[in-house]
Amino acid sequence: MAGNRRPTIKTVAARAGVGRTTVSRVVNGSDLVSADARSRVLAAIKELNYVPDSVARGLVTSRTNSVALVIPESESRLGSEPFFAALIRGVSAALAESRTQLQLMLVRDQAERDQLTESVATRRVDGVLLVSVHADDQLPGMLEDMGLPTVLAGRRGADERLSYVGSDNAGGAAEAVRHLLGRGRTKIATITGPLDMDVGRSRLAGWRTAHQEAGVPASELLVEVGDFTLEGGVRAMRSLLERIPDLDAVFAASDLMAVGALAELRRSRRQVPGDIAVVGFEDSILARHTDPPLTTVRQPVEEVGRTMARILTDITLHGADRQQVTLPTELVVRESS
């Protein structure tokens, strides 16, 4: 019987005496509806217990109720770095609030880049959350040119045009180095992130700032460029020990590189923190399970993901303006320093 069928937008339109587009506009909160028509549609929705679906919303908005989380990294990198898992948890939690589907897209080669371009061009997604952006990455510019709402995890530089959410990378790094200086360390090396990423440059800037504030020379010999991987941390720590055997502390720009540094220090029979203190950045689950437990800068990665998703939802649903958010960090002191 008709009374047992799930009501549709057509049913509501017929009951209210309006067109289906009017129903869709009411569902989406559009102002392009008269007060009388809105009242009749709302009454019909209540009477029929109508639950709006994506078809109704799509009549006016052409929304897919789907966004892409684009990560231009390999599967192995995605699986090995706790950062990505925490970010995805945050994004998923926020999108669930608006019943928006998440599409995870890894862009590792030209074929996958072409697939992303096609999805954007045909509007298979309402917007994009873009992670791990390097300076020469053409994806942000392409998305901007195509007019697709985009939110970055971190900015490309101080002149960023797109919406982004990041952590206070420079401030957090400076706090880490101040902590080491306060513990009497005088030769504090740093293992940076990639310097074609703002996060890498900003954490290096924080290392320099803390030295300048304290009037302590920050020799470039104390800087070793890393890549945010465990293996990169091992290689960088080995290079630093060969170059400056008497260094007494190291600030690694990620927990994963700090874990690599700890492994190399153990191999070279250096005591932590007795000989060399170690501080990381992120406060991932790794930090609590190293030997010794790792002092690190906590960045709210899940909150970064949640905030990115909410900003994108504000833009796609409500036409909100660009938003650029920097979240605070916090030093977590453990036994490694």
C-alpha atoms as a PDB file:
ATOM      1  CA  MET A   1       0.000   0.000   0.000  1.00  0.00           C
ATOM      2  CA  ALA A   2       1.101   3.571  -0.634  1.00  0.00           C
ATOM      3  CA  GLY A   3       0.889   4.362   3.065  1.00  0.00           C
ATOM      4  CA  ASN A   4       3.657   1.869   3.789  1.00  0.00           C
ATOM      5  CA  ARG A   5       6.114   3.273   1.249  1.00  0.00           C
ATOM      6  CA  ARG A   6       8.881   5.618   2.253  1.00  0.00           C
ATOM      7  CA  PRO A   7       7.779   9.149   1.328  1.00  0.00           C
ATOM      8  CA  THR A   8       9.730  10.787  -1.478  1.00  0.00           C
ATOM      9  CA  ILE A   9      10.384  14.360  -2.503  1.00  0.00           C
ATOM     10  CA  LYS A  10       7.611  13.914  -5.074  1.00  0.00           C
ATOM     11  CA  THR A  11       5.176  12.890  -2.305  1.00  0.00           C
ATOM     12  CA  VAL A  12       6.061  15.940  -0.235  1.00  0.00           C
ATOM     13  CA  ALA A  13       5.755  18.250  -3.244  1.00  0.00           C
ATOM     14  CA  ALA A  14       2.307  16.863  -4.064  1.00  0.00           C
ATOM     15  CA  ARG A  15       1.083  17.187  -0.470  1.00  0.00           C
ATOM     16  CA  ALA A  16       2.379  20.773  -0.210  1.00  0.00           C
ATOM     17  CA  GLY A  17       1.162  21.769  -3.668  1.00  0.00           C
ATOM     18  CA  VAL A  18       4.602  22.891  -4.841  1.00  0.00           C
ATOM     19  CA  GLY A  19       7.295  21.671  -7.226  1.00  0.00           C
ATOM     20  CA  ARG A  20      10.092  19.315  -6.236  1.00  0.00           C
ATOM     21  CA  THR A  21      12.680  22.076  -6.638  1.00  0.00           C
ATOM     22  CA  THR A  22      10.851  24.129  -4.000  1.00  0.00           C
ATOM     23  CA  VAL A  23      10.996  21.177  -1.599  1.00  0.00           C
ATOM     24  CA  SER A  24      14.716  20.829  -2.249  1.00  0.00           C
ATOM     25  CA  ARG A  25      15.248  24.535  -1.564  1.00  0.00           C
ATOM     26  CA  VAL A  26      13.424  24.291   1.754  1.00  0.00           C
ATOM     27  CA  VAL A  27      15.462  21.202   2.726  1.00  0.00           C
ATOM     28  CA  ASN A  28      18.694  23.084   1.971  1.00  0.00           C
ATOM     29  CA  GLY A  29      17.654  26.301   3.737  1.00  0.00           C
ATOM     30  CA  SER A  30      17.557  28.419   0.592  1.00  0.00           C
ATOM     31  CA  ASP A  31      16.100  31.935   0.819  1.00  0.00           C
ATOM     32  CA  LEU A  32      14.545  31.577  -2.647  1.00  0.00           C
ATOM     33  CA  VAL A  33      11.236  30.323  -1.212  1.00  0.00           C
ATOM     34  CA  SER A  34       8.188  32.309  -0.091  1.00  0.00           C
ATOM     35  CA  ALA A  35       7.119  32.099   3.543  1.00  0.00           C
ATOM     36  CA  ASP A  36       3.831  30.481   2.521  1.00  0.00           C
ATOM     37  CA  ALA A  37       5.485  27.783   0.417  1.00  0.00           C
ATOM     38  CA  ARG A  38       8.063  27.100   3.127  1.00  0.00           C
ATOM     39  CA  SER A  39       5.308  26.688   5.712  1.00  0.00           C
ATOM     40  CA  ARG A  40       3.383  24.226   3.523  1.00  0.00           C
ATOM     41  CA  VAL A  41       6.503  22.185   2.732  1.00  0.00           C
ATOM     42  CA  LEU A  42       7.532  21.965   6.392  1.00  0.00           C
ATOM     43  CA  ALA A  43       4.018  20.897   7.338  1.00  0.00           C
ATOM     44  CA  ALA A  44       4.067  18.173   4.663  1.00  0.00           C
ATOM     45  CA  ILE A  45       7.502  16.960   5.783  1.00  0.00           C
ATOM     46  CA  LYS A  46       6.271  16.655   9.366  1.00  0.00           C
ATOM     47  CA  GLU A  47       3.014  14.957   8.385  1.00  0.00           C
ATOM     48  CA  LEU A  48       4.708  12.415   6.123  1.00  0.00           C
ATOM     49  CA  ASN A  49       7.799  11.866   8.355  1.00  0.00           C
ATOM     50  CA  TYR A  50       9.895  12.616   5.292  1.00  0.00           C
ATOM     51  CA  VAL A  51      13.680  12.185   5.630  1.00  0.00           C
ATOM     52  CA  PRO A  52      15.561  14.238   3.003  1.00  0.00           C
ATOM     53  CA  ASP A  53      17.939  12.214   0.822  1.00  0.00           C
ATOM     54  CA  SER A  54      20.823  13.128  -1.432  1.00  0.00           C
ATOM     55  CA  VAL A  55      18.550  13.287  -4.493  1.00  0.00           C
ATOM     56  CA  ALA A  56      16.431  15.997  -2.900  1.00  0.00           C
ATOM     57  CA  ARG A  57      19.457  17.982  -1.875  1.00  0.00           C
ATOM     58  CA  GLY A  58      21.020  17.512  -5.292  1.00  0.00           C
ATOM     59  CA  LEU A  59      18.133  19.049  -7.281  1.00  0.00           C
ATOM     60  CA  VAL A  60      19.275  22.520  -6.339  1.00  0.00           C
ATOM     61  CA  THR A  61      22.789  22.167  -4.980  1.00  0.00           C
ATOM     62  CA  SER A  62      24.180  19.436  -7.288  1.00  0.00           C
ATOM     63  CA  ARG A  63      25.939  18.143  -4.182  1.00  0.00           C
ATOM     64  CA  THR A  64      27.333  14.643  -4.071  1.00  0.00           C
ATOM     65  CA  ASN A  65      27.631  14.614  -0.259  1.00  0.00           C
ATOM     66  CA  SER A  66      31.130  13.286  -0.757  1.00  0.00           C
ATOM     67  CA  VAL A  67      34.553  14.850  -0.258  1.00  0.00           C
ATOM     68  CA  ALA A  68      37.998  13.581  -1.159  1.00  0.00           C
ATOM     69  CA  LEU A  69      40.904  13.348   1.257  1.00  0.00           C
ATOM     70  CA  VAL A  70      43.890  13.516  -1.096  1.00  0.00           C
ATOM     71  CA  ILE A  71      47.274  12.312   0.130  1.00  0.00           C
ATOM     72  CA  PRO A  72      50.112  12.476  -2.418  1.00  0.00           C
ATOM     73  CA  GLU A  73      52.149   9.794  -0.642  1.00  0.00           C
ATOM     74  CA  SER A  74      52.766   6.052  -1.006  1.00  0.00           C
ATOM     75  CA  GLU A  75      50.753   3.343   0.744  1.00  0.00           C
ATOM     76  CA  SER A  76      53.787   2.412   2.838  1.00  0.00           C
ATOM     77  CA  ARG A  77      54.160   6.006   4.019  1.00  0.00           C
ATOM     78  CA  LEU A  78      50.455   6.207   4.795  1.00  0.00           C
ATOM     79  CA  GLY A  79      50.644   3.028   6.864  1.00  0.00           C
ATOM     80  CA  SER A  80      53.861   3.798   8.727  1.00  0.00           C
ATOM     81  CA  GLU A  81      53.220   7.362   9.887  1.00  0.00           C
ATOM     82  CA  PRO A  82      50.803   7.792  12.825  1.00  0.00           C
ATOM     83  CA  PHE A  83      50.104  11.348  11.632  1.00  0.00           C
ATOM     84  CA  PHE A  84      47.971  10.156   8.729  1.00  0.00           C
ATOM     85  CA  ALA A  85      45.891   7.749  10.831  1.00  0.00           C
ATOM     86  CA  ALA A  86      45.138  10.457  13.403  1.00  0.00           C
ATOM     87  CA  LEU A  87      44.227  12.983  10.708  1.00  0.00           C
ATOM     88  CA  ILE A  88      41.870  10.516   9.005  1.00  0.00           C
ATOM     89  CA  ARG A  89      40.160   9.790  12.347  1.00  0.00           C
ATOM     90  CA  GLY A  90      39.536  13.491  12.865  1.00  0.00           C
ATOM     91  CA  VAL A  91      38.249  14.065   9.339  1.00  0.00           C
ATOM     92  CA  SER A  92      35.944  11.030   9.510  1.00  0.00           C
ATOM     93  CA  ALA A  93      34.469  12.054  12.860  1.00  0.00           C
ATOM     94  CA  ALA A  94      33.612  15.560  11.641  1.00  0.00           C
ATOM     95  CA  LEU A  95      32.171  14.414   8.326  1.00  0.00           C
ATOM     96  CA  ALA A  96      29.947  11.890  10.104  1.00  0.00           C
ATOM     97  CA  GLU A  97      28.237  14.840  11.806  1.00  0.00           C
ATOM     98  CA  SER A  98      27.051  16.101   8.402  1.00  0.00           C
ATOM     99  CA  ARG A  99      26.511  12.637   6.876  1.00  0.00           C
ATOM    100  CA  THR A 100      29.150  13.320   4.269  1.00  0.00           C
ATOM    101  CA  GLN A 101      31.018  10.417   2.688  1.00  0.00           C
ATOM    102  CA  LEU A 102      34.822  10.390   2.666  1.00  0.00           C
ATOM    103  CA  GLN A 103      36.819   9.213  -0.342  1.00  0.00           C
ATOM    104  CA  LEU A 104      40.482   8.528   0.387  1.00  0.00           C
ATOM    105  CA  MET A 105      42.614   9.146  -2.689  1.00  0.00           C
ATOM    106  CA  LEU A 106      46.344   8.442  -2.844  1.00  0.00           C
ATOM    107  CA  VAL A 107      48.008  10.366  -5.661  1.00  0.00           C
ATOM    108  CA  ARG A 108      51.286   8.592  -6.319  1.00  0.00           C
ATOM    109  CA  ASP A 109      51.694   8.849 -10.085  1.00  0.00           C
ATOM    110  CA  GLN A 110      50.339  10.581 -13.170  1.00  0.00           C
ATOM    111  CA  ALA A 111      47.553   8.043 -13.674  1.00  0.00           C
ATOM    112  CA  GLU A 112      46.179   8.718 -10.203  1.00  0.00           C
ATOM    113  CA  ARG A 113      46.591  12.448 -10.731  1.00  0.00           C
ATOM    114  CA  ASP A 114      44.536  12.124 -13.922  1.00  0.00           C
ATOM    115  CA  GLN A 115      41.884  10.193 -12.007  1.00  0.00           C
ATOM    116  CA  LEU A 116      41.689  12.982  -9.442  1.00  0.00           C
ATOM    117  CA  THR A 117      41.431  15.580 -12.223  1.00  0.00           C
ATOM    118  CA  GLU A 118      38.525  13.672 -13.754  1.00  0.00           C
ATOM    119  CA  SER A 119      36.737  13.410 -10.394  1.00  0.00           C
ATOM    120  CA  VAL A 120      37.122  17.148  -9.894  1.00  0.00           C
ATOM    121  CA  ALA A 121      36.116  18.080 -13.428  1.00  0.00           C
ATOM    122  CA  THR A 122      32.953  15.972 -13.284  1.00  0.00           C
ATOM    123  CA  ARG A 123      32.199  17.148  -9.736  1.00  0.00           C
ATOM    124  CA  ARG A 124      32.110  13.650  -8.262  1.00  0.00           C
ATOM    125  CA  VAL A 125      33.124  15.261  -4.987  1.00  0.00           C
ATOM    126  CA  ASP A 126      31.985  18.502  -3.366  1.00  0.00           C
ATOM    127  CA  GLY A 127      35.430  19.468  -2.151  1.00  0.00           C
ATOM    128  CA  VAL A 128      38.943  18.307  -1.372  1.00  0.00           C
ATOM    129  CA  LEU A 129      41.013  17.994   1.792  1.00  0.00           C
ATOM    130  CA  LEU A 130      44.664  18.023   0.730  1.00  0.00           C
ATOM    131  CA  VAL A 131      47.468  16.675   2.917  1.00  0.00           C
ATOM    132  CA  SER A 132      51.270  16.629   2.680  1.00  0.00           C
ATOM    133  CA  VAL A 133      51.685  19.558   0.305  1.00  0.00           C
ATOM    134  CA  HIS A 134      55.145  20.239  -1.133  1.00  0.00           C
ATOM    135  CA  ALA A 135      56.231  23.520  -2.698  1.00  0.00           C
ATOM    136  CA  ASP A 136      56.315  22.173  -6.264  1.00  0.00           C
ATOM    137  CA  ASP A 137      52.996  20.329  -5.953  1.00  0.00           C
ATOM    138  CA  GLN A 138      50.644  21.511  -8.685  1.00  0.00           C
ATOM    139  CA  LEU A 139      47.528  19.995  -7.103  1.00  0.00           C
ATOM    140  CA  PRO A 140      46.529  23.022  -4.960  1.00  0.00           C
ATOM    141  CA  GLY A 141      46.771  25.374  -7.925  1.00  0.00           C
ATOM    142  CA  MET A 142      44.840  22.994 -10.145  1.00  0.00           C
ATOM    143  CA  LEU A 143      42.035  22.660  -7.596  1.00  0.00           C
ATOM    144  CA  GLU A 144      41.951  26.433  -7.113  1.00  0.00           C
ATOM    145  CA  ASP A 145      41.758  27.029 -10.875  1.00  0.00           C
ATOM    146  CA  MET A 146      38.876  24.562 -11.183  1.00  0.00           C
ATOM    147  CA  GLY A 147      36.956  26.350  -8.462  1.00  0.00           C
ATOM    148  CA  LEU A 148      36.616  23.310  -6.209  1.00  0.00           C
ATOM    149  CA  PRO A 149      36.488  24.121  -2.472  1.00  0.00           C
ATOM    150  CA  THR A 150      39.796  22.995  -0.981  1.00  0.00           C
ATOM    151  CA  VAL A 151      41.259  22.945   2.522  1.00  0.00           C
ATOM    152  CA  LEU A 152      44.930  22.171   3.122  1.00  0.00           C
ATOM    153  CA  ALA A 153      46.532  20.435   6.092  1.00  0.00           C
ATOM    154  CA  GLY A 154      49.110  23.136   6.702  1.00  0.00           C
ATOM    155  CA  ARG A 155      49.984  25.985   4.401  1.00  0.00           C
ATOM    156  CA  ARG A 156      52.424  26.126   1.497  1.00  0.00           C
ATOM    157  CA  GLY A 157      53.875  29.406   2.748  1.00  0.00           C
ATOM    158  CA  ALA A 158      53.120  32.667   4.532  1.00  0.00           C
ATOM    159  CA  ASP A 159      51.237  33.943   1.454  1.00  0.00           C
ATOM    160  CA  GLU A 160      48.847  30.970   1.279  1.00  0.00           C
ATOM    161  CA  ARG A 161      45.640  31.798  -0.634  1.00  0.00           C
ATOM    162  CA  LEU A 162      43.615  28.687   0.170  1.00  0.00           C
ATOM    163  CA  SER A 163      41.936  27.685   3.418  1.00  0.00           C
ATOM    164  CA  TYR A 164      44.176  25.638   5.706  1.00  0.00           C
ATOM    165  CA  VAL A 165      44.452  24.205   9.199  1.00  0.00           C
ATOM    166  CA  GLY A 166      47.835  23.658  10.780  1.00  0.00           C
ATOM    167  CA  SER A 167      49.736  23.581  14.045  1.00  0.00           C
ATOM    168  CA  ASP A 168      52.017  26.239  15.499  1.00  0.00           C
ATOM    169  CA  ASN A 169      55.115  24.580  14.064  1.00  0.00           C
ATOM    170  CA  ALA A 170      57.579  27.385  14.705  1.00  0.00           C
ATOM    171  CA  GLY A 171      56.280  28.040  18.228  1.00  0.00           C
ATOM    172  CA  GLY A 172      56.295  24.365  19.149  1.00  0.00           C
ATOM    173  CA  ALA A 173      59.829  23.860  17.873  1.00  0.00           C
ATOM    174  CA  ALA A 174      61.068  26.921  19.744  1.00  0.00           C
ATOM    175  CA  GLU A 175      59.502  25.619  22.963  1.00  0.00           C
ATOM    176  CA  ALA A 176      61.265  22.278  22.497  1.00  0.00           C
ATOM    177  CA  VAL A 177      64.657  23.933  22.073  1.00  0.00           C
ATOM    178  CA  ARG A 178      64.056  26.283  25.026  1.00  0.00           C
ATOM    179  CA  HIS A 179      63.403  23.197  27.122  1.00  0.00           C
ATOM    180  CA  LEU A 180      66.715  21.659  26.054  1.00  0.00           C
ATOM    181  CA  LEU A 181      68.605  24.893  26.665  1.00  0.00           C
ATOM    182  CA  GLY A 182      66.980  25.100  30.082  1.00  0.00           C
ATOM    183  CA  ARG A 183      68.335  21.622  30.878  1.00  0.00           C
ATOM    184  CA  GLY A 184      71.858  22.881  30.224  1.00  0.00           C
ATOM    185  CA  ARG A 185      72.308  21.522  26.709  1.00  0.00           C
ATOM    186  CA  THR A 186      74.604  23.648  24.576  1.00  0.00           C
ATOM    187  CA  LYS A 187      75.055  21.782  21.273  1.00  0.00           C
ATOM    188  CA  ILE A 188      71.502  21.129  20.108  1.00  0.00           C
ATOM    189  CA  ALA A 189      71.242  19.649  16.644  1.00  0.00           C
ATOM    190  CA  THR A 190      68.044  19.395  14.625  1.00  0.00           C
ATOM    191  CA  ILE A 191      66.764  16.849  12.123  1.00  0.00           C
ATOM    192  CA  THR A 192      64.411  18.868   9.948  1.00  0.00           C
ATOM    193  CA  GLY A 193      61.473  17.852   7.816  1.00  0.00           C
ATOM    194  CA  PRO A 194      61.649  18.364   4.029  1.00  0.00           C
ATOM    195  CA  LEU A 195      62.499  21.994   3.384  1.00  0.00           C
ATOM    196  CA  ASP A 196      60.156  22.157   0.384  1.00  0.00           C
ATOM    197  CA  MET A 197      57.304  21.952   2.921  1.00  0.00           C
ATOM    198  CA  ASP A 198      56.283  24.836   5.173  1.00  0.00           C
ATOM    199  CA  VAL A 199      56.150  22.476   8.148  1.00  0.00           C
ATOM    200  CA  GLY A 200      59.831  21.625   7.650  1.00  0.00           C
ATOM    201  CA  ARG A 201      60.907  25.236   7.233  1.00  0.00           C
ATOM    202  CA  SER A 202      58.785  26.466  10.161  1.00  0.00           C
ATOM    203  CA  ARG A 203      60.134  23.919  12.645  1.00  0.00           C
ATOM    204  CA  LEU A 204      63.671  24.792  11.580  1.00  0.00           C
ATOM    205  CA  ALA A 205      62.815  28.472  12.067  1.00  0.00           C
ATOM    206  CA  GLY A 206      61.634  27.699  15.598  1.00  0.00           C
ATOM    207  CA  TRP A 207      64.937  25.938  16.350  1.00  0.00           C
ATOM    208  CA  ARG A 208      66.811  29.041  15.177  1.00  0.00           C
ATOM    209  CA  THR A 209      64.541  31.444  17.089  1.00  0.00           C
ATOM    210  CA  ALA A 210      65.137  29.722  20.423  1.00  0.00           C
ATOM    211  CA  HIS A 211      68.906  29.853  19.916  1.00  0.00           C
ATOM    212  CA  GLN A 212      68.768  33.534  18.983  1.00  0.00           C
ATOM    213  CA  GLU A 213      66.645  34.372  22.036  1.00  0.00           C
ATOM    214  CA  ALA A 214      69.174  32.643  24.293  1.00  0.00           C
ATOM    215  CA  GLY A 215      72.184  34.223  22.580  1.00  0.00           C
ATOM    216  CA  VAL A 216      73.516  30.761  21.702  1.00  0.00           C
ATOM    217  CA  PRO A 217      75.120  30.277  18.255  1.00  0.00           C
ATOM    218  CA  ALA A 218      73.086  28.037  15.934  1.00  0.00           C
ATOM    219  CA  SER A 219      75.666  26.610  13.571  1.00  0.00           C
ATOM    220  CA  GLU A 220      74.428  25.213  10.278  1.00  0.00           C
ATOM    221  CA  LEU A 221      76.616  22.192  11.034  1.00  0.00           C
ATOM    222  CA  LEU A 222      73.953  21.272  13.605  1.00  0.00           C
ATOM    223  CA  VAL A 223      71.246  21.061  10.915  1.00  0.00           C
ATOM    224  CA  GLU A 224      70.546  17.822   9.062  1.00  0.00           C
ATOM    225  CA  VAL A 225      67.657  17.655   6.594  1.00  0.00           C
ATOM    226  CA  GLY A 226      65.323  14.687   7.040  1.00  0.00           C
ATOM    227  CA  ASP A 227      62.178  13.387   5.393  1.00  0.00           C
ATOM    228  CA  PHE A 228      59.776  12.553   8.262  1.00  0.00           C
ATOM    229  CA  THR A 229      60.585   8.814   8.032  1.00  0.00           C
ATOM    230  CA  LEU A 230      62.199   6.480  10.568  1.00  0.00           C
ATOM    231  CA  GLU A 231      64.968   5.611   8.108  1.00  0.00           C
ATOM    232  CA  GLY A 232      65.548   9.315   7.499  1.00  0.00           C
ATOM    233  CA  GLY A 233      65.971   9.813  11.242  1.00  0.00           C
ATOM    234  CA  VAL A 234      68.565   7.042  11.402  1.00  0.00           C
ATOM    235  CA  ARG A 235      70.572   8.489   8.506  1.00  0.00           C
ATOM    236  CA  ALA A 236      70.391  12.045   9.816  1.00  0.00           C
ATOM    237  CA  MET A 237      71.474  11.057  13.338  1.00  0.00           C
ATOM    238  CA  ARG A 238      74.414   9.098  11.921  1.00  0.00           C
ATOM    239  CA  SER A 239      75.534  12.102   9.869  1.00  0.00           C
ATOM    240  CA  LEU A 240      75.254  14.435  12.845  1.00  0.00           C
ATOM    241  CA  LEU A 241      77.329  12.155  15.098  1.00  0.00           C
ATOM    242  CA  GLU A 242      80.032  11.862  12.433  1.00  0.00           C
ATOM    243  CA  ARG A 243      80.120  15.631  11.986  1.00  0.00           C
ATOM    244  CA  ILE A 244      79.722  16.725  15.626  1.00  0.00           C
ATOM    245  CA  PRO A 245      80.648  13.845  17.968  1.00  0.00           C
ATOM    246  CA  ASP A 246      80.220  16.008  21.093  1.00  0.00           C
ATOM    247  CA  LEU A 247      76.658  17.229  20.448  1.00  0.00           C
ATOM    248  CA  ASP A 248      74.490  16.841  23.555  1.00  0.00           C
ATOM    249  CA  ALA A 249      70.910  17.139  22.259  1.00  0.00           C
ATOM    250  CA  VAL A 250      68.816  16.720  19.134  1.00  0.00           C
ATOM    251  CA  PHE A 251      65.420  18.090  18.211  1.00  0.00           C
ATOM    252  CA  ALA A 252      63.783  15.903  15.563  1.00  0.00           C
ATOM    253  CA  ALA A 253      60.954  17.524  13.614  1.00  0.00           C
ATOM    254  CA  SER A 254      58.783  14.401  13.908  1.00  0.00           C
ATOM    255  CA  ASP A 255      58.380  11.549  16.379  1.00  0.00           C
ATOM    256  CA  LEU A 256      59.114   8.989  13.682  1.00  0.00           C
ATOM    257  CA  MET A 257      62.488  10.606  12.931  1.00  0.00           C
ATOM    258  CA  ALA A 258      63.131  10.805  16.679  1.00  0.00           C
ATOM    259  CA  VAL A 259      62.571   7.036  16.888  1.00  0.00           C
ATOM    260  CA  GLY A 260      65.144   6.600  14.137  1.00  0.00           C
ATOM    261  CA  ALA A 261      67.545   8.890  15.998  1.00  0.00           C
ATOM    262  CA  LEU A 262      67.109   6.847  19.200  1.00  0.00           C
ATOM    263  CA  ALA A 263      67.891   3.653  17.293  1.00  0.00           C
ATOM    264  CA  GLU A 264      71.116   5.139  15.888  1.00  0.00           C
ATOM    265  CA  LEU A 265      72.125   6.502  19.300  1.00  0.00           C
ATOM    266  CA  ARG A 266      71.594   3.041  20.795  1.00  0.00           C
ATOM    267  CA  ARG A 267      73.712   1.507  18.019  1.00  0.00           C
ATOM    268  CA  SER A 268      76.497   4.002  18.699  1.00  0.00           C
ATOM    269  CA  ARG A 269      76.284   3.297  22.456  1.00  0.00           C
ATOM    270  CA  ARG A 270      75.183   6.820  23.404  1.00  0.00           C
ATOM    271  CA  GLN A 271      73.038   7.109  26.529  1.00  0.00           C
ATOM    272  CA  VAL A 272      69.722   8.979  26.328  1.00  0.00           C
ATOM    273  CA  PRO A 273      69.381  11.415  27.978  1.00  0.00           C
ATOM    274  CA  GLY A 274      72.750  11.076  29.755  1.00  0.00           C
ATOM    275  CA  ASP A 275      74.903  11.706  26.700  1.00  0.00           C
ATOM    276  CA  ILE A 276      72.355  13.128  24.289  1.00  0.00           C
ATOM    277  CA  ALA A 277      68.825  14.351  24.988  1.00  0.00           C
ATOM    278  CA  VAL A 278      66.175  13.778  22.307  1.00  0.00           C
ATOM    279  CA  VAL A 279      62.934  15.648  21.624  1.00  0.00           C
ATOM    280  CA  GLY A 280      60.406  14.875  18.882  1.00  0.00           C
ATOM    281  CA  PHE A 281      57.341  16.581  17.444  1.00  0.00           C
ATOM    282  CA  GLU A 282      53.742  15.273  17.297  1.00  0.00           C
ATOM    283  CA  ASP A 283      53.172  13.201  20.462  1.00  0.00           C
ATOM    284  CA  SER A 284      52.052  10.188  18.468  1.00  0.00           C
ATOM    285  CA  ILE A 285      51.497   6.823  20.129  1.00  0.00           C
ATOM    286  CA  LEU A 286      55.145   6.053  19.346  1.00  0.00           C
ATOM    287  CA  ALA A 287      56.343   8.651  21.842  1.00  0.00           C
ATOM    288  CA  ARG A 288      54.936   6.749  24.811  1.00  0.00           C
ATOM    289  CA  HIS A 289      56.533   3.452  23.812  1.00  0.00           C
ATOM    290  CA  THR A 290      60.134   4.368  23.020  1.00  0.00           C
ATOM    291  CA  ASP A 291      62.989   3.545  25.400  1.00  0.00           C
ATOM    292  CA  PRO A 292      63.222   5.938  27.108  1.00  0.00           C
ATOM    293  CA  PRO A 293      59.758   7.502  26.574  1.00  0.00           C
ATOM    294  CA  LEU A 294      60.070  10.468  24.239  1.00  0.00           C
ATOM    295  CA  THR A 295      59.772  14.123  25.166  1.00  0.00           C
ATOM    296  CA  THR A 296      57.859  15.686  22.292  1.00  0.00           C
ATOM    297  CA  VAL A 297      55.744  18.589  21.114  1.00  0.00           C
ATOM    298  CA  ARG A 298      52.086  17.613  21.054  1.00  0.00           C
ATOM    299  CA  GLN A 299      50.209  18.800  17.999  1.00  0.00           C
ATOM    300  CA  PRO A 300      46.455  18.167  17.898  1.00  0.00           C
ATOM    301  CA  VAL A 301      46.400  16.102  14.700  1.00  0.00           C
ATOM    302  CA  GLU A 302      42.857  14.768  15.127  1.00  0.00           C
ATOM    303  CA  GLU A 303      41.629  18.306  15.808  1.00  0.00           C
ATOM    304  CA  VAL A 304      43.405  19.463  12.647  1.00  0.00           C
ATOM    305  CA  GLY A 305      41.429  16.841  10.721  1.00  0.00           C
ATOM    306  CA  ARG A 306      38.135  17.743  12.384  1.00  0.00           C
ATOM    307  CA  THR A 307      38.654  21.461  11.771  1.00  0.00           C
ATOM    308  CA  MET A 308      39.591  20.892   8.120  1.00  0.00           C
ATOM    309  CA  ALA A 309      36.398  18.901   7.549  1.00  0.00           C
ATOM    310  CA  ARG A 310      34.210  21.478   9.299  1.00  0.00           C
ATOM    311  CA  ILE A 311      35.707  24.336   7.289  1.00  0.00           C
ATOM    312  CA  LEU A 312      35.137  22.445   4.042  1.00  0.00           C
ATOM    313  CA  THR A 313      31.548  21.715   5.094  1.00  0.00           C
ATOM    314  CA  ASP A 314      31.020  25.418   5.873  1.00  0.00           C
ATOM    315  CA  ILE A 315      32.281  26.320   2.410  1.00  0.00           C
ATOM    316  CA  THR A 316      30.359  23.674   0.453  1.00  0.00           C
ATOM    317  CA  LEU A 317      27.087  23.961   2.375  1.00  0.00           C
ATOM    318  CA  HIS A 318      26.994  27.608   3.347  1.00  0.00           C
ATOM    319  CA  GLY A 319      29.364  29.376   0.972  1.00  0.00           C
ATOM    320  CA  ALA A 320      31.649  30.446   3.825  1.00  0.00           C
ATOM    321  CA  ASP A 321      34.732  32.521   3.085  1.00  0.00           C
ATOM    322  CA  ARG A 322      38.311  31.269   3.233  1.00  0.00           C
ATOM    323  CA  GLN A 323      39.434  30.267   6.725  1.00  0.00           C
ATOM    324  CA  GLN A 324      43.015  29.869   7.911  1.00  0.00           C
ATOM    325  CA  VAL A 325      43.513  28.306  11.336  1.00  0.00           C
ATOM    326  CA  THR A 326      46.658  27.644  13.373  1.00  0.00           C
ATOM    327  CA  LEU A 327      46.159  25.392  16.403  1.00  0.00           C
ATOM    328  CA  PRO A 328      48.390  25.597  19.507  1.00  0.00           C
ATOM    329  CA  THR A 329      50.990  23.007  20.459  1.00  0.00           C
ATOM    330  CA  GLU A 330      52.163  21.798  23.874  1.00  0.00           C
ATOM    331  CA  LEU A 331      55.459  20.400  25.121  1.00  0.00           C
ATOM    332  CA  VAL A 332      55.129  16.973  26.771  1.00  0.00           C
ATOM    333  CA  VAL A 333      58.181  16.204  28.887  1.00  0.00           C
ATOM    334  CA  ARG A 334      59.212  12.548  29.326  1.00  0.00           C
ATOM    335  CA  GLU A 335      62.431  10.722  30.144  1.00  0.00           C
ATOM    336  CA  SER A 336      64.339  11.287  26.881  1.00  0.00           C
ATOM    337  CA  SER A 337      65.315  14.821  27.835  1.00  0.00           C
END
